[in-house]
C-alpha cells in the first residue's frame, strides 16, 4: 500500500520546484480556481498547515463555519508575501500537518495535486503526474466533502484510460486520470479530454458546481 503522506510530500515539493520556475507574469495569471490567481493558489496550498487546531477553530468561527470564506481569508493574508517567500513557505510545509494530514495525508495530496493542475493547465504547462499520486487522489476525491466531487460523480462510472483504475457504476466517463480528477473537482476545462455516455451529465454537474462557487 502506498505511503500517502510521502506522496503528498513529494507532490508539494514538485509544486514548489515548478513555482520557482515561473515568471512574474505567470504568477499574476488567473488559475482554474475561480477568482484566484496563480499567486493566490500558491498561497492557499499550505495555509491550513500553519494554523494548528486552535487557529483553525478560530478561523472557522470568524468565517461563520464557511470553508469558502475561510479559504478567502487565508489567501488574502498571503497576498503581502513575495513569490520567493511563497515558494519557501511551501517547501517548509512540504510534510502535511494539522487538518491537511488527516486521512493519512489524503487531504493534502488531493488538494495539492488539484491545485498544481489548476496552475499548470491555466498556464499551458502540462506534466505527467506520477501514477501512484493520481490513483490515491482519485480514490479519495469522491469522499472529500470539501470538494464538489462527491455530487459530481454520483451514479457515474469513471474509467482512467492511462491507469489501471476505475470506480462507480452507471454511464461511463473515460479519459486520462488527471483529466478525470480535475473535472470531478469542478474544473470544466478538463471535460474536453473526456468522453463517454456519462459525460453530458458530468458536464451539467460541473457547470452547476461552478455557478455555486
C-alpha atoms as a PDB file:
ATOM      1  CA  UNK A   1       0.000   0.000   0.000  1.00  0.00           C
ATOM      2  CA  UNK A   2       1.309   3.454  -0.940  1.00  0.00           C
ATOM      3  CA  UNK A   3       2.531   5.791   1.804  1.00  0.00           C
ATOM      4  CA  UNK A   4       0.117   8.627   1.058  1.00  0.00           C
ATOM      5  CA  UNK A   5       1.878  11.067   3.370  1.00  0.00           C
ATOM      6  CA  UNK A   6       5.065  10.528   1.369  1.00  0.00           C
ATOM      7  CA  UNK A   7       3.134  11.021  -1.875  1.00  0.00           C
ATOM      8  CA  UNK A   8       1.679  14.292  -0.564  1.00  0.00           C
ATOM      9  CA  UNK A   9       5.125  15.496   0.448  1.00  0.00           C
ATOM     10  CA  UNK A  10       6.527  14.654  -2.985  1.00  0.00           C
ATOM     11  CA  UNK A  11       3.656  16.494  -4.686  1.00  0.00           C
ATOM     12  CA  UNK A  12       4.207  19.617  -2.606  1.00  0.00           C
ATOM     13  CA  UNK A  13       7.924  19.574  -3.322  1.00  0.00           C
ATOM     14  CA  UNK A  14       7.266  19.149  -7.047  1.00  0.00           C
ATOM     15  CA  UNK A  15       4.843  22.079  -6.934  1.00  0.00           C
ATOM     16  CA  UNK A  16       7.413  24.248  -5.147  1.00  0.00           C
ATOM     17  CA  UNK A  17      10.070  23.329  -7.732  1.00  0.00           C
ATOM     18  CA  UNK A  18       7.662  24.238 -10.531  1.00  0.00           C
ATOM     19  CA  UNK A  19       6.600  27.538  -8.941  1.00  0.00           C
ATOM     20  CA  UNK A  20      10.251  28.536  -8.649  1.00  0.00           C
ATOM     21  CA  UNK A  21      10.471  28.487 -12.481  1.00  0.00           C
ATOM     22  CA  UNK A  22       7.573  30.888 -13.092  1.00  0.00           C
ATOM     23  CA  UNK A  23       7.925  34.442 -14.323  1.00  0.00           C
ATOM     24  CA  UNK A  24       6.351  37.479 -12.660  1.00  0.00           C
ATOM     25  CA  UNK A  25       3.766  37.482 -15.431  1.00  0.00           C
ATOM     26  CA  UNK A  26       2.942  33.810 -14.785  1.00  0.00           C
ATOM     27  CA  UNK A  27       2.328  34.489 -11.084  1.00  0.00           C
ATOM     28  CA  UNK A  28      -0.283  37.134 -11.896  1.00  0.00           C
ATOM     29  CA  UNK A  29      -2.289  34.992 -14.346  1.00  0.00           C
ATOM     30  CA  UNK A  30      -5.721  33.585 -13.467  1.00  0.00           C
ATOM     31  CA  UNK A  31      -5.715  29.936 -12.386  1.00  0.00           C
ATOM     32  CA  UNK A  32      -8.529  27.465 -12.987  1.00  0.00           C
ATOM     33  CA  UNK A  33      -9.644  28.087  -9.404  1.00  0.00           C
ATOM     34  CA  UNK A  34     -12.445  30.675  -9.631  1.00  0.00           C
ATOM     35  CA  UNK A  35     -11.362  34.204  -8.676  1.00  0.00           C
ATOM     36  CA  UNK A  36      -7.835  33.113  -7.706  1.00  0.00           C
ATOM     37  CA  UNK A  37      -4.611  33.940  -9.499  1.00  0.00           C
ATOM     38  CA  UNK A  38      -1.641  31.585  -9.694  1.00  0.00           C
ATOM     39  CA  UNK A  39      -0.183  33.506  -6.749  1.00  0.00           C
ATOM     40  CA  UNK A  40      -3.385  33.002  -4.736  1.00  0.00           C
ATOM     41  CA  UNK A  41      -3.376  29.251  -5.337  1.00  0.00           C
ATOM     42  CA  UNK A  42       0.275  29.005  -4.311  1.00  0.00           C
ATOM     43  CA  UNK A  43      -0.558  30.900  -1.129  1.00  0.00           C
ATOM     44  CA  UNK A  44      -3.546  28.700  -0.375  1.00  0.00           C
ATOM     45  CA  UNK A  45      -1.911  25.263  -0.555  1.00  0.00           C
ATOM     46  CA  UNK A  46      -0.015  25.262   2.790  1.00  0.00           C
ATOM     47  CA  UNK A  47      -2.177  27.866   4.530  1.00  0.00           C
ATOM     48  CA  UNK A  48      -4.003  25.463   6.853  1.00  0.00           C
ATOM     49  CA  UNK A  49      -0.759  23.750   7.880  1.00  0.00           C
ATOM     50  CA  UNK A  50       0.327  26.925   9.660  1.00  0.00           C
ATOM     51  CA  UNK A  51      -2.783  27.238  11.817  1.00  0.00           C
ATOM     52  CA  UNK A  52      -2.810  24.353  14.267  1.00  0.00           C
ATOM     53  CA  UNK A  53      -6.127  23.221  15.679  1.00  0.00           C
ATOM     54  CA  UNK A  54      -6.828  26.284  17.907  1.00  0.00           C
ATOM     55  CA  UNK A  55      -6.124  28.600  14.973  1.00  0.00           C
ATOM     56  CA  UNK A  56      -8.347  26.532  12.697  1.00  0.00           C
ATOM     57  CA  UNK A  57     -11.274  26.679  15.104  1.00  0.00           C
ATOM     58  CA  UNK A  58     -10.843  30.436  15.497  1.00  0.00           C
ATOM     59  CA  UNK A  59     -10.760  30.907  11.731  1.00  0.00           C
ATOM     60  CA  UNK A  60     -13.909  28.842  11.213  1.00  0.00           C
ATOM     61  CA  UNK A  61     -15.674  30.836  13.933  1.00  0.00           C
ATOM     62  CA  UNK A  62     -14.728  34.147  12.272  1.00  0.00           C
ATOM     63  CA  UNK A  63     -15.846  32.755   8.909  1.00  0.00           C
ATOM     64  CA  UNK A  64     -19.193  31.512  10.301  1.00  0.00           C
ATOM     65  CA  UNK A  65     -18.210  27.890   9.555  1.00  0.00           C
ATOM     66  CA  UNK A  66     -17.846  28.608   5.834  1.00  0.00           C
ATOM     67  CA  UNK A  67     -14.881  26.850   4.234  1.00  0.00           C
ATOM     68  CA  UNK A  68     -15.085  29.185   1.244  1.00  0.00           C
ATOM     69  CA  UNK A  69     -14.836  32.281   3.462  1.00  0.00           C
ATOM     70  CA  UNK A  70     -12.041  30.654   5.481  1.00  0.00           C
ATOM     71  CA  UNK A  71     -10.089  29.928   2.306  1.00  0.00           C
ATOM     72  CA  UNK A  72     -10.519  33.502   1.095  1.00  0.00           C
ATOM     73  CA  UNK A  73      -9.384  34.992   4.405  1.00  0.00           C
ATOM     74  CA  UNK A  74      -6.197  32.948   4.334  1.00  0.00           C
ATOM     75  CA  UNK A  75      -5.486  33.757   0.687  1.00  0.00           C
ATOM     76  CA  UNK A  76      -5.861  37.476   1.332  1.00  0.00           C
ATOM     77  CA  UNK A  77      -3.273  37.206   4.103  1.00  0.00           C
ATOM     78  CA  UNK A  78      -0.751  35.671   1.683  1.00  0.00           C
ATOM     79  CA  UNK A  79      -1.049  38.482  -0.870  1.00  0.00           C
ATOM     80  CA  UNK A  80       1.504  40.540   1.066  1.00  0.00           C
ATOM     81  CA  UNK A  81       4.188  37.854   0.647  1.00  0.00           C
ATOM     82  CA  UNK A  82       6.788  37.824  -2.118  1.00  0.00           C
ATOM     83  CA  UNK A  83       6.750  34.983  -4.618  1.00  0.00           C
ATOM     84  CA  UNK A  84      10.113  33.773  -3.280  1.00  0.00           C
ATOM     85  CA  UNK A  85       8.568  33.664   0.186  1.00  0.00           C
ATOM     86  CA  UNK A  86       5.575  31.691  -1.091  1.00  0.00           C
ATOM     87  CA  UNK A  87       7.883  29.073  -2.614  1.00  0.00           C
ATOM     88  CA  UNK A  88       9.966  28.853   0.554  1.00  0.00           C
ATOM     89  CA  UNK A  89       6.796  28.587   2.652  1.00  0.00           C
ATOM     90  CA  UNK A  90       5.555  25.659   0.565  1.00  0.00           C
ATOM     91  CA  UNK A  91       8.913  23.895   0.937  1.00  0.00           C
ATOM     92  CA  UNK A  92       8.785  24.484   4.694  1.00  0.00           C
ATOM     93  CA  UNK A  93       5.366  22.832   4.849  1.00  0.00           C
ATOM     94  CA  UNK A  94       6.063  20.045   2.363  1.00  0.00           C
ATOM     95  CA  UNK A  95       5.209  17.473   5.034  1.00  0.00           C
ATOM     96  CA  UNK A  96       1.486  17.941   5.805  1.00  0.00           C
ATOM     97  CA  UNK A  97       0.413  18.753   9.326  1.00  0.00           C
ATOM     98  CA  UNK A  98      -2.832  19.590  11.100  1.00  0.00           C
ATOM     99  CA  UNK A  99      -6.045  19.195   9.126  1.00  0.00           C
ATOM    100  CA  UNK A 100      -4.244  18.525   5.827  1.00  0.00           C
ATOM    101  CA  UNK A 101      -2.560  15.476   7.382  1.00  0.00           C
ATOM    102  CA  UNK A 102      -5.897  13.819   8.112  1.00  0.00           C
ATOM    103  CA  UNK A 103      -6.827  10.564   6.356  1.00  0.00           C
ATOM    104  CA  UNK A 104      -3.156   9.684   6.178  1.00  0.00           C
ATOM    105  CA  UNK A 105      -2.293  12.808   4.169  1.00  0.00           C
ATOM    106  CA  UNK A 106      -5.012  12.283   1.569  1.00  0.00           C
ATOM    107  CA  UNK A 107      -6.410  15.772   2.095  1.00  0.00           C
ATOM    108  CA  UNK A 108      -3.016  17.333   1.405  1.00  0.00           C
ATOM    109  CA  UNK A 109      -2.282  15.102  -1.580  1.00  0.00           C
ATOM    110  CA  UNK A 110      -5.637  15.620  -3.279  1.00  0.00           C
ATOM    111  CA  UNK A 111      -5.774  19.356  -2.616  1.00  0.00           C
ATOM    112  CA  UNK A 112      -2.187  19.946  -3.721  1.00  0.00           C
ATOM    113  CA  UNK A 113      -2.476  17.817  -6.847  1.00  0.00           C
ATOM    114  CA  UNK A 114      -5.675  19.528  -7.999  1.00  0.00           C
ATOM    115  CA  UNK A 115      -4.267  22.995  -7.342  1.00  0.00           C
ATOM    116  CA  UNK A 116      -0.997  22.078  -9.056  1.00  0.00           C
ATOM    117  CA  UNK A 117      -3.066  21.311 -12.138  1.00  0.00           C
ATOM    118  CA  UNK A 118      -5.133  24.488 -11.649  1.00  0.00           C
ATOM    119  CA  UNK A 119      -1.901  26.369 -12.249  1.00  0.00           C
ATOM    120  CA  UNK A 120      -0.332  24.186 -14.933  1.00  0.00           C
ATOM    121  CA  UNK A 121      -3.460  23.928 -17.064  1.00  0.00           C
ATOM    122  CA  UNK A 122      -4.072  27.667 -16.832  1.00  0.00           C
ATOM    123  CA  UNK A 123      -0.507  28.422 -17.951  1.00  0.00           C
ATOM    124  CA  UNK A 124      -0.369  25.693 -20.603  1.00  0.00           C
ATOM    125  CA  UNK A 125       2.338  23.707 -18.803  1.00  0.00           C
ATOM    126  CA  UNK A 126       1.263  20.041 -18.902  1.00  0.00           C
ATOM    127  CA  UNK A 127       3.070  17.339 -16.978  1.00  0.00           C
ATOM    128  CA  UNK A 128       2.899  13.601 -16.423  1.00  0.00           C
ATOM    129  CA  UNK A 129       1.526  13.117 -12.901  1.00  0.00           C
ATOM    130  CA  UNK A 130       3.022  10.077 -11.127  1.00  0.00           C
ATOM    131  CA  UNK A 131       0.503   7.239 -11.255  1.00  0.00           C
ATOM    132  CA  UNK A 132       0.580   6.468  -7.537  1.00  0.00           C
ATOM    133  CA  UNK A 133      -0.385  10.026  -6.646  1.00  0.00           C
ATOM    134  CA  UNK A 134      -3.172  10.097  -9.201  1.00  0.00           C
ATOM    135  CA  UNK A 135      -4.722   6.830  -8.067  1.00  0.00           C
ATOM    136  CA  UNK A 136      -4.649   7.848  -4.399  1.00  0.00           C
ATOM    137  CA  UNK A 137      -6.289  11.205  -5.212  1.00  0.00           C
ATOM    138  CA  UNK A 138      -8.894   9.621  -7.499  1.00  0.00           C
ATOM    139  CA  UNK A 139      -9.817   7.181  -4.758  1.00  0.00           C
ATOM    140  CA  UNK A 140     -10.191   9.923  -2.156  1.00  0.00           C
ATOM    141  CA  UNK A 141     -11.834  12.762  -4.126  1.00  0.00           C
ATOM    142  CA  UNK A 142     -15.334  11.194  -4.258  1.00  0.00           C
ATOM    143  CA  UNK A 143     -15.288  11.107  -0.422  1.00  0.00           C
ATOM    144  CA  UNK A 144     -13.870  14.608   0.067  1.00  0.00           C
ATOM    145  CA  UNK A 145     -16.782  16.747   1.239  1.00  0.00           C
ATOM    146  CA  UNK A 146     -14.784  19.947   0.775  1.00  0.00           C
ATOM    147  CA  UNK A 147     -14.887  19.248  -2.977  1.00  0.00           C
ATOM    148  CA  UNK A 148     -17.876  19.081  -5.342  1.00  0.00           C
ATOM    149  CA  UNK A 149     -16.582  15.661  -6.452  1.00  0.00           C
ATOM    150  CA  UNK A 150     -18.972  13.504  -4.351  1.00  0.00           C
ATOM    151  CA  UNK A 151     -22.006  15.015  -6.047  1.00  0.00           C
ATOM    152  CA  UNK A 152     -20.377  15.237  -9.454  1.00  0.00           C
ATOM    153  CA  UNK A 153     -19.551  11.511  -9.644  1.00  0.00           C
ATOM    154  CA  UNK A 154     -22.785  10.134  -8.168  1.00  0.00           C
ATOM    155  CA  UNK A 155     -24.285   7.463 -10.447  1.00  0.00           C
ATOM    156  CA  UNK A 156     -21.378   7.551 -12.897  1.00  0.00           C
ATOM    157  CA  UNK A 157     -18.629   5.081 -13.724  1.00  0.00           C
ATOM    158  CA  UNK A 158     -15.203   6.680 -14.095  1.00  0.00           C
ATOM    159  CA  UNK A 159     -12.550   4.877 -16.132  1.00  0.00           C
ATOM    160  CA  UNK A 160      -8.960   6.088 -16.405  1.00  0.00           C
ATOM    161  CA  UNK A 161      -7.601   5.211 -19.831  1.00  0.00           C
ATOM    162  CA  UNK A 162      -3.960   5.619 -18.790  1.00  0.00           C
ATOM    163  CA  UNK A 163      -4.141   3.881 -15.401  1.00  0.00           C
ATOM    164  CA  UNK A 164      -5.376   0.590 -14.011  1.00  0.00           C
ATOM    165  CA  UNK A 165      -8.222   2.383 -12.231  1.00  0.00           C
ATOM    166  CA  UNK A 166     -11.998   2.643 -12.432  1.00  0.00           C
ATOM    167  CA  UNK A 167     -14.735   3.429  -9.952  1.00  0.00           C
ATOM    168  CA  UNK A 168     -18.502   3.626  -9.629  1.00  0.00           C
ATOM    169  CA  UNK A 169     -21.387   2.317 -11.677  1.00  0.00           C
ATOM    170  CA  UNK A 170     -23.641   3.906 -14.249  1.00  0.00           C
ATOM    171  CA  UNK A 171     -22.985   5.757 -17.516  1.00  0.00           C
ATOM    172  CA  UNK A 172     -19.272   5.777 -18.214  1.00  0.00           C
ATOM    173  CA  UNK A 173     -16.931   8.754 -18.338  1.00  0.00           C
ATOM    174  CA  UNK A 174     -13.466   7.843 -19.595  1.00  0.00           C
ATOM    175  CA  UNK A 175     -10.204   9.669 -20.101  1.00  0.00           C
ATOM    176  CA  UNK A 176      -6.776  10.307 -18.612  1.00  0.00           C
ATOM    177  CA  UNK A 177      -6.701  10.054 -14.839  1.00  0.00           C
ATOM    178  CA  UNK A 178      -5.506  13.651 -14.446  1.00  0.00           C
ATOM    179  CA  UNK A 179      -8.419  14.981 -16.500  1.00  0.00           C
ATOM    180  CA  UNK A 180     -10.911  12.866 -14.549  1.00  0.00           C
ATOM    181  CA  UNK A 181      -9.617  14.218 -11.237  1.00  0.00           C
ATOM    182  CA  UNK A 182      -9.600  17.837 -12.362  1.00  0.00           C
ATOM    183  CA  UNK A 183     -13.059  17.543 -13.917  1.00  0.00           C
ATOM    184  CA  UNK A 184     -14.784  15.915 -10.946  1.00  0.00           C
ATOM    185  CA  UNK A 185     -13.206  18.595  -8.754  1.00  0.00           C
ATOM    186  CA  UNK A 186     -15.273  21.105 -10.710  1.00  0.00           C
ATOM    187  CA  UNK A 187     -12.975  22.351 -13.473  1.00  0.00           C
ATOM    188  CA  UNK A 188     -14.838  22.429 -16.783  1.00  0.00           C
ATOM    189  CA  UNK A 189     -11.582  22.963 -18.687  1.00  0.00           C
ATOM    190  CA  UNK A 190     -10.781  19.240 -18.305  1.00  0.00           C
ATOM    191  CA  UNK A 191     -14.066  17.994 -19.772  1.00  0.00           C
ATOM    192  CA  UNK A 192     -12.791  18.225 -23.362  1.00  0.00           C
ATOM    193  CA  UNK A 193     -10.256  15.500 -22.532  1.00  0.00           C
ATOM    194  CA  UNK A 194     -13.023  13.070 -21.534  1.00  0.00           C
ATOM    195  CA  UNK A 195     -15.599  11.001 -23.401  1.00  0.00           C
ATOM    196  CA  UNK A 196     -18.409   8.539 -22.820  1.00  0.00           C
ATOM    197  CA  UNK A 197     -22.177   8.405 -22.378  1.00  0.00           C
ATOM    198  CA  UNK A 198     -21.977   9.939 -18.903  1.00  0.00           C
ATOM    199  CA  UNK A 199     -20.005  12.998 -19.988  1.00  0.00           C
ATOM    200  CA  UNK A 200     -23.074  15.163 -20.579  1.00  0.00           C
ATOM    201  CA  UNK A 201     -24.339  14.568 -17.048  1.00  0.00           C
ATOM    202  CA  UNK A 202     -20.920  15.238 -15.564  1.00  0.00           C
ATOM    203  CA  UNK A 203     -20.665  18.465 -17.571  1.00  0.00           C
ATOM    204  CA  UNK A 204     -24.056  19.631 -16.252  1.00  0.00           C
ATOM    205  CA  UNK A 205     -22.994  18.957 -12.691  1.00  0.00           C
ATOM    206  CA  UNK A 206     -19.623  20.659 -13.116  1.00  0.00           C
ATOM    207  CA  UNK A 207     -21.336  23.717 -14.556  1.00  0.00           C
ATOM    208  CA  UNK A 208     -23.718  23.779 -11.592  1.00  0.00           C
ATOM    209  CA  UNK A 209     -20.928  23.479  -9.044  1.00  0.00           C
ATOM    210  CA  UNK A 210     -19.008  26.288 -10.765  1.00  0.00           C
ATOM    211  CA  UNK A 211     -22.035  28.580 -10.585  1.00  0.00           C
ATOM    212  CA  UNK A 212     -22.348  27.941  -6.841  1.00  0.00           C
ATOM    213  CA  UNK A 213     -18.646  28.510  -6.083  1.00  0.00           C
END
